[in-house]
Amino acid sequence: MPGYADPNPMYQPAMRLITAITNDTNAEVTTSFAHNYLSGLIVRIIVPNLRFGMIQMDKRVGTIAVTGDTTFTINIDSTNFDTFVIPDPEEAYTNIFPMVIPIGEINEILYQATRNVL
């Protein structure tokens, strides 16, 4: 039975953990493993606490453009945000991580909402 952190969940698109976010006009987000997202997906970015920096990105919503298996850009200008960091594992809570959560998609596409891998 698939678990919470299963890299191949039964329903797509699924939440992914974030390992990097750039300070750029269109922030580039890197996930911990292949996200299987398509361009046009609307996502919410969660940065749970100050330990990861870039708290200004917390709960922001944007549309993505896929740039690689584990990367995408999002139409959020993070140029003046704090720098995103992954804290030392010895000092961080291991059960709280930044994540990207799909919440919708551009209506003209409407493909990802109907994709089910059961």
N, C-alpha and C. Protein backbone atom coordinates (compact mmCIF):
# COMPACT_ATOMS: atom_id res chain seq x y z
N MET A 1 0.85 -1.19 0.00
CA MET A 1 0.00 0.00 0.00
C MET A 1 0.89 1.24 0.00
N PRO A 2 0.61 2.19 -0.87
CA PRO A 2 1.45 3.39 -0.93
C PRO A 2 1.42 4.16 0.38
N GLY A 3 2.60 4.68 0.75
CA GLY A 3 2.70 5.47 1.97
C GLY A 3 2.66 6.95 1.68
N TYR A 4 2.77 7.74 2.71
CA TYR A 4 2.70 9.19 2.61
C TYR A 4 3.76 9.75 1.67
N ALA A 5 4.99 9.23 1.74
CA ALA A 5 6.08 9.76 0.92
C ALA A 5 6.35 8.88 -0.31
N ASP A 6 5.37 8.10 -0.73
CA ASP A 6 5.53 7.23 -1.89
C ASP A 6 5.84 8.06 -3.13
N PRO A 7 6.98 7.80 -3.81
CA PRO A 7 7.33 8.59 -5.00
C PRO A 7 6.40 8.32 -6.18
N ASN A 8 5.58 7.29 -6.11
CA ASN A 8 4.65 6.96 -7.18
C ASN A 8 3.24 6.79 -6.63
N PRO A 9 2.60 7.89 -6.23
CA PRO A 9 1.28 7.79 -5.62
C PRO A 9 0.23 7.34 -6.63
N MET A 10 -0.91 6.85 -6.13
CA MET A 10 -1.96 6.37 -7.01
C MET A 10 -2.65 7.49 -7.76
N TYR A 11 -2.70 8.68 -7.20
CA TYR A 11 -3.33 9.82 -7.85
C TYR A 11 -2.28 10.83 -8.25
N GLN A 12 -2.39 11.37 -9.45
CA GLN A 12 -1.48 12.39 -9.94
C GLN A 12 -2.29 13.64 -10.21
N PRO A 13 -1.81 14.80 -10.06
CA PRO A 13 -0.50 15.13 -9.52
C PRO A 13 -0.52 15.14 -7.99
N ALA A 14 0.60 14.87 -7.40
CA ALA A 14 0.70 14.73 -5.95
C ALA A 14 1.61 15.79 -5.35
N MET A 15 1.55 15.94 -4.04
CA MET A 15 2.42 16.84 -3.30
C MET A 15 3.86 16.37 -3.48
N ARG A 16 4.79 17.33 -3.52
CA ARG A 16 6.22 17.00 -3.59
C ARG A 16 6.97 17.86 -2.59
N LEU A 17 8.05 17.31 -2.03
CA LEU A 17 8.91 18.06 -1.12
C LEU A 17 9.85 18.95 -1.92
N ILE A 18 10.15 20.13 -1.40
CA ILE A 18 11.00 21.10 -2.08
C ILE A 18 12.40 21.05 -1.49
N THR A 19 13.42 21.02 -2.38
CA THR A 19 14.81 21.04 -1.94
C THR A 19 15.52 22.35 -2.27
N ALA A 20 14.93 23.16 -3.17
CA ALA A 20 15.55 24.45 -3.52
C ALA A 20 14.52 25.36 -4.18
N ILE A 21 14.69 26.67 -3.93
CA ILE A 21 13.91 27.71 -4.62
C ILE A 21 14.88 28.85 -4.89
N THR A 22 14.90 29.31 -6.13
CA THR A 22 15.81 30.40 -6.50
C THR A 22 15.17 31.76 -6.24
N ASN A 23 16.03 32.76 -6.08
CA ASN A 23 15.58 34.16 -6.02
C ASN A 23 15.63 34.69 -7.44
N ASP A 24 14.48 34.74 -8.09
CA ASP A 24 14.43 35.14 -9.49
C ASP A 24 13.06 35.73 -9.80
N THR A 25 12.95 36.38 -10.96
CA THR A 25 11.69 36.96 -11.39
C THR A 25 10.61 35.89 -11.47
N ASN A 26 10.94 34.75 -12.04
CA ASN A 26 10.10 33.55 -12.00
C ASN A 26 10.90 32.52 -11.24
N ALA A 27 10.57 32.33 -9.98
CA ALA A 27 11.34 31.43 -9.11
C ALA A 27 11.39 30.03 -9.70
N GLU A 28 12.57 29.40 -9.63
CA GLU A 28 12.69 28.01 -10.04
C GLU A 28 12.67 27.15 -8.79
N VAL A 29 11.82 26.14 -8.80
CA VAL A 29 11.64 25.24 -7.66
C VAL A 29 12.18 23.88 -8.04
N THR A 30 12.93 23.26 -7.12
CA THR A 30 13.45 21.91 -7.30
C THR A 30 12.79 21.00 -6.28
N THR A 31 12.31 19.85 -6.74
CA THR A 31 11.68 18.88 -5.85
C THR A 31 12.63 17.73 -5.54
N SER A 32 12.32 16.97 -4.49
CA SER A 32 13.22 15.92 -4.03
C SER A 32 13.26 14.71 -4.95
N PHE A 33 12.23 14.50 -5.76
CA PHE A 33 12.23 13.46 -6.79
C PHE A 33 11.29 13.90 -7.90
N ALA A 34 11.23 13.14 -8.98
CA ALA A 34 10.45 13.55 -10.16
C ALA A 34 9.02 13.92 -9.76
N HIS A 35 8.57 15.11 -10.20
CA HIS A 35 7.26 15.60 -9.79
C HIS A 35 6.12 15.14 -10.68
N ASN A 36 6.39 14.77 -11.91
CA ASN A 36 5.37 14.33 -12.88
C ASN A 36 4.33 15.41 -13.17
N TYR A 37 4.69 16.68 -13.00
CA TYR A 37 3.77 17.78 -13.27
C TYR A 37 3.85 18.16 -14.75
N LEU A 38 2.84 18.88 -15.21
CA LEU A 38 2.82 19.44 -16.55
C LEU A 38 2.69 20.95 -16.45
N SER A 39 3.21 21.65 -17.43
CA SER A 39 3.09 23.11 -17.45
C SER A 39 1.61 23.49 -17.42
N GLY A 40 1.29 24.55 -16.70
CA GLY A 40 -0.09 25.00 -16.58
C GLY A 40 -0.73 24.59 -15.26
N LEU A 41 -0.06 23.75 -14.50
CA LEU A 41 -0.57 23.34 -13.20
C LEU A 41 -0.50 24.52 -12.23
N ILE A 42 -1.50 24.70 -11.42
CA ILE A 42 -1.52 25.75 -10.40
C ILE A 42 -1.19 25.10 -9.07
N VAL A 43 -0.20 25.65 -8.38
CA VAL A 43 0.27 25.03 -7.14
C VAL A 43 0.34 26.05 -6.00
N ARG A 44 0.35 25.53 -4.79
CA ARG A 44 0.61 26.34 -3.60
C ARG A 44 1.95 25.90 -3.04
N ILE A 45 2.79 26.87 -2.68
CA ILE A 45 4.09 26.59 -2.07
C ILE A 45 3.95 26.77 -0.56
N ILE A 46 4.43 25.79 0.18
CA ILE A 46 4.42 25.86 1.64
C ILE A 46 5.86 25.87 2.14
N VAL A 47 6.22 26.90 2.89
CA VAL A 47 7.52 26.98 3.56
C VAL A 47 7.17 27.08 5.05
N PRO A 48 7.30 25.97 5.81
CA PRO A 48 6.68 25.87 7.12
C PRO A 48 7.22 26.77 8.23
N ASN A 49 8.47 27.18 8.17
CA ASN A 49 8.98 28.03 9.24
C ASN A 49 10.26 28.72 8.82
N LEU A 50 10.75 29.58 9.67
CA LEU A 50 11.93 30.40 9.36
C LEU A 50 13.19 29.58 9.14
N ARG A 51 13.24 28.36 9.62
CA ARG A 51 14.43 27.53 9.50
C ARG A 51 14.84 27.33 8.02
N PHE A 52 13.87 27.41 7.11
CA PHE A 52 14.15 27.21 5.68
C PHE A 52 14.37 28.51 4.92
N GLY A 53 14.27 29.65 5.60
CA GLY A 53 14.39 30.93 4.91
C GLY A 53 13.20 31.14 4.00
N MET A 54 13.26 32.13 3.14
CA MET A 54 12.22 32.43 2.15
C MET A 54 10.80 32.26 2.68
N ILE A 55 10.56 32.71 3.89
CA ILE A 55 9.23 32.61 4.48
C ILE A 55 8.20 33.42 3.69
N GLN A 56 8.66 34.38 2.89
CA GLN A 56 7.75 35.19 2.06
C GLN A 56 7.04 34.34 1.01
N MET A 57 7.59 33.17 0.68
CA MET A 57 6.98 32.28 -0.31
C MET A 57 5.85 31.45 0.28
N ASP A 58 5.76 31.38 1.60
CA ASP A 58 4.78 30.53 2.26
C ASP A 58 3.35 30.87 1.83
N LYS A 59 2.63 29.85 1.42
CA LYS A 59 1.22 29.91 1.03
C LYS A 59 0.97 30.70 -0.26
N ARG A 60 2.01 30.97 -1.03
CA ARG A 60 1.83 31.65 -2.32
C ARG A 60 1.31 30.65 -3.35
N VAL A 61 0.53 31.15 -4.28
CA VAL A 61 -0.06 30.34 -5.34
C VAL A 61 0.41 30.88 -6.68
N GLY A 62 0.74 29.97 -7.62
CA GLY A 62 1.16 30.39 -8.94
C GLY A 62 1.02 29.27 -9.96
N THR A 63 1.20 29.63 -11.21
CA THR A 63 1.14 28.67 -12.32
C THR A 63 2.56 28.29 -12.69
N ILE A 64 2.79 27.00 -12.97
CA ILE A 64 4.15 26.53 -13.22
C ILE A 64 4.41 26.29 -14.70
N ALA A 65 5.69 26.31 -15.05
CA ALA A 65 6.18 25.90 -16.37
C ALA A 65 7.28 24.87 -16.08
N VAL A 66 7.08 23.65 -16.49
CA VAL A 66 8.03 22.57 -16.21
C VAL A 66 9.32 22.79 -16.99
N THR A 67 10.46 22.68 -16.30
CA THR A 67 11.78 22.85 -16.93
C THR A 67 12.62 21.58 -16.84
N GLY A 68 12.17 20.59 -16.10
CA GLY A 68 12.91 19.33 -15.95
C GLY A 68 12.12 18.35 -15.10
N ASP A 69 12.66 17.14 -14.93
CA ASP A 69 11.97 16.11 -14.15
C ASP A 69 11.71 16.53 -12.71
N THR A 70 12.65 17.28 -12.14
CA THR A 70 12.51 17.71 -10.74
C THR A 70 12.47 19.23 -10.60
N THR A 71 12.33 19.96 -11.69
CA THR A 71 12.34 21.42 -11.62
C THR A 71 11.18 22.03 -12.41
N PHE A 72 10.77 23.20 -11.96
CA PHE A 72 9.79 24.00 -12.68
C PHE A 72 9.94 25.44 -12.24
N THR A 73 9.50 26.36 -13.10
CA THR A 73 9.45 27.76 -12.70
C THR A 73 8.01 28.08 -12.33
N ILE A 74 7.86 29.06 -11.45
CA ILE A 74 6.54 29.49 -11.01
C ILE A 74 6.46 30.99 -11.16
N ASN A 75 5.31 31.50 -11.56
CA ASN A 75 5.18 32.93 -11.85
C ASN A 75 5.05 33.77 -10.56
N ILE A 76 6.02 33.61 -9.68
CA ILE A 76 6.14 34.38 -8.45
C ILE A 76 7.52 35.03 -8.45
N ASP A 77 7.55 36.34 -8.29
CA ASP A 77 8.82 37.06 -8.25
C ASP A 77 9.40 36.96 -6.84
N SER A 78 10.47 36.19 -6.70
CA SER A 78 11.11 35.98 -5.40
C SER A 78 12.44 36.74 -5.30
N THR A 79 12.65 37.69 -6.21
CA THR A 79 13.92 38.42 -6.26
C THR A 79 14.31 39.01 -4.92
N ASN A 80 13.37 39.62 -4.21
CA ASN A 80 13.68 40.28 -2.94
C ASN A 80 13.32 39.45 -1.71
N PHE A 81 13.02 38.16 -1.91
CA PHE A 81 12.71 37.28 -0.78
C PHE A 81 14.01 36.86 -0.10
N ASP A 82 13.90 36.38 1.15
CA ASP A 82 15.05 35.78 1.82
C ASP A 82 15.52 34.58 1.00
N THR A 83 16.77 34.19 1.17
CA THR A 83 17.32 33.03 0.47
C THR A 83 16.75 31.75 1.06
N PHE A 84 16.39 30.81 0.19
CA PHE A 84 15.91 29.50 0.64
C PHE A 84 17.10 28.66 1.06
N VAL A 85 17.00 27.99 2.19
CA VAL A 85 18.08 27.13 2.68
C VAL A 85 17.50 25.83 3.22
N ILE A 86 18.29 24.78 3.12
CA ILE A 86 17.96 23.52 3.78
C ILE A 86 18.82 23.49 5.04
N PRO A 87 18.20 23.44 6.22
CA PRO A 87 18.97 23.49 7.46
C PRO A 87 19.76 22.21 7.71
N ASP A 88 20.73 22.29 8.59
CA ASP A 88 21.51 21.14 9.00
C ASP A 88 20.56 20.10 9.59
N PRO A 89 20.61 18.84 9.11
CA PRO A 89 19.70 17.80 9.61
C PRO A 89 19.78 17.60 11.13
N GLU A 90 20.93 17.90 11.70
CA GLU A 90 21.08 17.76 13.15
C GLU A 90 20.25 18.80 13.90
N GLU A 91 19.97 19.93 13.25
CA GLU A 91 19.27 21.01 13.92
C GLU A 91 17.80 21.14 13.49
N ALA A 92 17.42 20.45 12.43
CA ALA A 92 16.07 20.62 11.88
C ALA A 92 15.12 19.54 12.39
N TYR A 93 13.84 19.89 12.43
CA TYR A 93 12.82 18.88 12.67
C TYR A 93 12.72 18.05 11.41
N THR A 94 12.75 16.74 11.52
CA THR A 94 12.72 15.90 10.33
C THR A 94 11.32 15.66 9.80
N ASN A 95 10.29 16.12 10.49
CA ASN A 95 8.93 15.89 10.02
C ASN A 95 8.27 17.14 9.44
N ILE A 96 9.02 18.21 9.28
CA ILE A 96 8.48 19.45 8.72
C ILE A 96 9.35 19.87 7.53
N PHE A 97 8.77 19.87 6.34
CA PHE A 97 9.52 20.19 5.14
C PHE A 97 8.73 21.14 4.25
N PRO A 98 9.43 21.95 3.46
CA PRO A 98 8.73 22.76 2.46
C PRO A 98 8.14 21.82 1.40
N MET A 99 6.99 22.21 0.86
CA MET A 99 6.35 21.36 -0.13
C MET A 99 5.59 22.18 -1.16
N VAL A 100 5.31 21.52 -2.27
CA VAL A 100 4.49 22.11 -3.32
C VAL A 100 3.24 21.23 -3.43
N ILE A 101 2.07 21.89 -3.45
CA ILE A 101 0.81 21.16 -3.46
C ILE A 101 -0.01 21.62 -4.66
N PRO A 102 -0.30 20.71 -5.60
CA PRO A 102 -1.16 21.07 -6.73
C PRO A 102 -2.57 21.40 -6.24
N ILE A 103 -3.13 22.50 -6.77
CA ILE A 103 -4.48 22.89 -6.36
C ILE A 103 -5.42 23.12 -7.53
N GLY A 104 -4.91 23.11 -8.75
CA GLY A 104 -5.76 23.33 -9.92
C GLY A 104 -4.93 23.38 -11.18
N GLU A 105 -5.58 23.73 -12.28
CA GLU A 105 -4.85 23.90 -13.53
C GLU A 105 -5.62 24.83 -14.45
N ILE A 106 -4.92 25.31 -15.45
CA ILE A 106 -5.54 26.20 -16.43
C ILE A 106 -6.69 25.46 -17.12
N ASN A 107 -7.86 26.08 -17.17
CA ASN A 107 -9.07 25.40 -17.67
C ASN A 107 -8.94 24.88 -19.09
N GLU A 108 -8.20 25.57 -19.96
CA GLU A 108 -8.09 25.11 -21.34
C GLU A 108 -7.36 23.78 -21.44
N ILE A 109 -6.53 23.47 -20.45
CA ILE A 109 -5.76 22.22 -20.47
C ILE A 109 -6.60 21.10 -19.88
N LEU A 110 -6.97 21.25 -18.60
CA LEU A 110 -7.78 20.29 -17.85
C LEU A 110 -7.45 18.83 -18.17
N TYR A 111 -6.18 18.50 -18.08
CA TYR A 111 -5.74 17.12 -18.29
C TYR A 111 -5.33 16.49 -16.97
N GLN A 112 -4.58 17.23 -16.18
CA GLN A 112 -4.01 16.65 -14.98
C GLN A 112 -5.08 16.29 -13.95
N ALA A 113 -6.17 17.02 -13.91
CA ALA A 113 -7.24 16.74 -12.95
C ALA A 113 -7.94 15.43 -13.25
N THR A 114 -7.84 14.95 -14.47
CA THR A 114 -8.52 13.71 -14.85
C THR A 114 -7.58 12.52 -14.93
N ARG A 115 -6.29 12.74 -14.69
CA ARG A 115 -5.29 11.67 -14.81
C ARG A 115 -5.25 10.89 -13.51
N ASN A 116 -5.52 9.62 -13.57
CA ASN A 116 -5.54 8.73 -12.41
C ASN A 116 -4.75 7.48 -12.79
N VAL A 117 -3.83 7.08 -11.97
CA VAL A 117 -2.96 5.95 -12.33
C VAL A 117 -3.37 4.66 -11.63
N LEU A 118 -4.62 4.58 -11.16
CA LEU A 118 -5.10 3.33 -10.53
C LEU A 118 -5.19 2.22 -11.54
